């Protein structure tokens, strides 16, 4: 049971790290598209 709990906690940390990277990348790309829309629009 302890091994299962530790594995779940490790998986949660991994997902959170990857989610943070994805959201950061999406924010940067979205900001660039929005800036281009304002400049060229």
N, C-alpha and C. Protein backbone atom coordinates (compact mmCIF):
# COMPACT_ATOMS: atom_id res chain seq x y z
N UNK A 1 0.83 -1.20 0.00
CA UNK A 1 0.00 0.00 0.00
C UNK A 1 0.87 1.26 0.00
N UNK A 2 1.95 1.24 0.77
CA UNK A 2 2.84 2.40 0.81
C UNK A 2 3.50 2.63 -0.54
N UNK A 3 3.86 1.55 -1.20
CA UNK A 3 4.49 1.68 -2.51
C UNK A 3 3.51 2.30 -3.50
N UNK A 4 2.26 1.91 -3.43
CA UNK A 4 1.23 2.45 -4.30
C UNK A 4 1.05 3.95 -4.05
N UNK A 5 1.02 4.35 -2.78
CA UNK A 5 0.85 5.76 -2.43
C UNK A 5 2.05 6.59 -2.90
N UNK A 6 3.25 6.06 -2.72
CA UNK A 6 4.45 6.79 -3.16
C UNK A 6 4.48 6.91 -4.68
N UNK A 7 4.10 5.85 -5.37
CA UNK A 7 4.06 5.89 -6.83
C UNK A 7 3.05 6.90 -7.33
N UNK A 8 1.91 6.97 -6.65
CA UNK A 8 0.86 7.93 -7.03
C UNK A 8 1.34 9.36 -6.81
N UNK A 9 2.02 9.60 -5.68
CA UNK A 9 2.54 10.94 -5.40
C UNK A 9 3.59 11.33 -6.43
N UNK A 10 4.45 10.40 -6.79
CA UNK A 10 5.47 10.68 -7.81
C UNK A 10 4.85 10.99 -9.15
N UNK A 11 3.81 10.25 -9.51
CA UNK A 11 3.12 10.48 -10.78
C UNK A 11 2.43 11.84 -10.78
N UNK A 12 1.85 12.21 -9.65
CA UNK A 12 1.19 13.51 -9.53
C UNK A 12 2.20 14.65 -9.73
N UNK A 13 3.37 14.53 -9.12
CA UNK A 13 4.41 15.54 -9.27
C UNK A 13 4.85 15.64 -10.73
N UNK A 14 5.01 14.50 -11.37
CA UNK A 14 5.43 14.49 -12.78
C UNK A 14 4.39 15.16 -13.66
N UNK A 15 3.13 14.86 -13.44
CA UNK A 15 2.06 15.48 -14.23
C UNK A 15 2.02 16.98 -13.99
N UNK A 16 2.18 17.40 -12.75
CA UNK A 16 2.15 18.83 -12.44
C UNK A 16 3.31 19.56 -13.10
N UNK A 17 4.49 18.97 -13.13
CA UNK A 17 5.64 19.61 -13.77
C UNK A 17 5.38 19.75 -15.27
N UNK A 18 4.89 18.68 -15.89
CA UNK A 18 4.62 18.73 -17.32
C UNK A 18 3.49 19.69 -17.65
N UNK A 19 2.46 19.75 -16.79
CA UNK A 19 1.35 20.67 -17.00
C UNK A 19 1.85 22.11 -16.92
N UNK A 20 2.74 22.38 -15.98
CA UNK A 20 3.30 23.72 -15.84
C UNK A 20 4.09 24.10 -17.09
N UNK A 21 4.88 23.19 -17.63
CA UNK A 21 5.63 23.46 -18.86
C UNK A 21 4.70 23.72 -20.02
N UNK A 22 3.64 22.92 -20.14
CA UNK A 22 2.68 23.09 -21.23
C UNK A 22 1.97 24.43 -21.13
N UNK A 23 1.54 24.80 -19.93
CA UNK A 23 0.83 26.07 -19.76
C UNK A 23 1.76 27.25 -20.04
N UNK A 24 3.01 27.17 -19.63
CA UNK A 24 3.97 28.24 -19.91
C UNK A 24 4.18 28.40 -21.41
N UNK A 25 4.37 27.29 -22.10
CA UNK A 25 4.56 27.33 -23.55
C UNK A 25 3.32 27.87 -24.25
N UNK A 26 2.15 27.41 -23.83
CA UNK A 26 0.90 27.89 -24.43
C UNK A 26 0.71 29.38 -24.19
N UNK A 27 1.09 29.88 -23.03
CA UNK A 27 0.96 31.30 -22.73
C UNK A 27 1.87 32.14 -23.62
N UNK A 28 3.11 31.69 -23.79
CA UNK A 28 4.06 32.42 -24.64
C UNK A 28 3.56 32.44 -26.09
N UNK A 29 3.14 31.30 -26.61
CA UNK A 29 2.66 31.24 -27.99
C UNK A 29 1.40 32.09 -28.16
N UNK A 30 0.49 32.01 -27.21
CA UNK A 30 -0.72 32.82 -27.27
C UNK A 30 -0.42 34.30 -27.24
N UNK A 31 0.54 34.69 -26.43
CA UNK A 31 0.92 36.11 -26.35
C UNK A 31 1.52 36.59 -27.67
N UNK A 32 2.34 35.75 -28.29
CA UNK A 32 2.93 36.12 -29.57
C UNK A 32 1.86 36.27 -30.66
N UNK A 33 0.92 35.35 -30.70
CA UNK A 33 -0.17 35.46 -31.67
C UNK A 33 -1.00 36.71 -31.43
N UNK A 34 -1.29 37.01 -30.18
CA UNK A 34 -2.09 38.19 -29.85
C UNK A 34 -1.35 39.48 -30.24
N UNK A 35 -0.05 39.54 -29.98
CA UNK A 35 0.75 40.70 -30.36
C UNK A 35 0.79 40.86 -31.88
N UNK A 36 0.95 39.76 -32.60
CA UNK A 36 0.95 39.83 -34.05
C UNK A 36 -0.41 40.30 -34.57
N UNK A 37 -1.48 39.84 -33.94
CA UNK A 37 -2.82 40.28 -34.34
C UNK A 37 -2.99 41.78 -34.14
N UNK A 38 -2.48 42.30 -33.02
CA UNK A 38 -2.60 43.72 -32.76
C UNK A 38 -1.75 44.54 -33.73
N UNK A 39 -0.56 44.07 -34.02
CA UNK A 39 0.34 44.83 -34.89
C UNK A 39 -0.13 44.78 -36.34
N UNK A 40 -0.50 43.59 -36.81
CA UNK A 40 -0.86 43.43 -38.21
C UNK A 40 -2.35 43.67 -38.47
N UNK A 41 -3.13 43.61 -37.43
CA UNK A 41 -4.59 43.68 -37.58
C UNK A 41 -5.05 45.04 -37.97
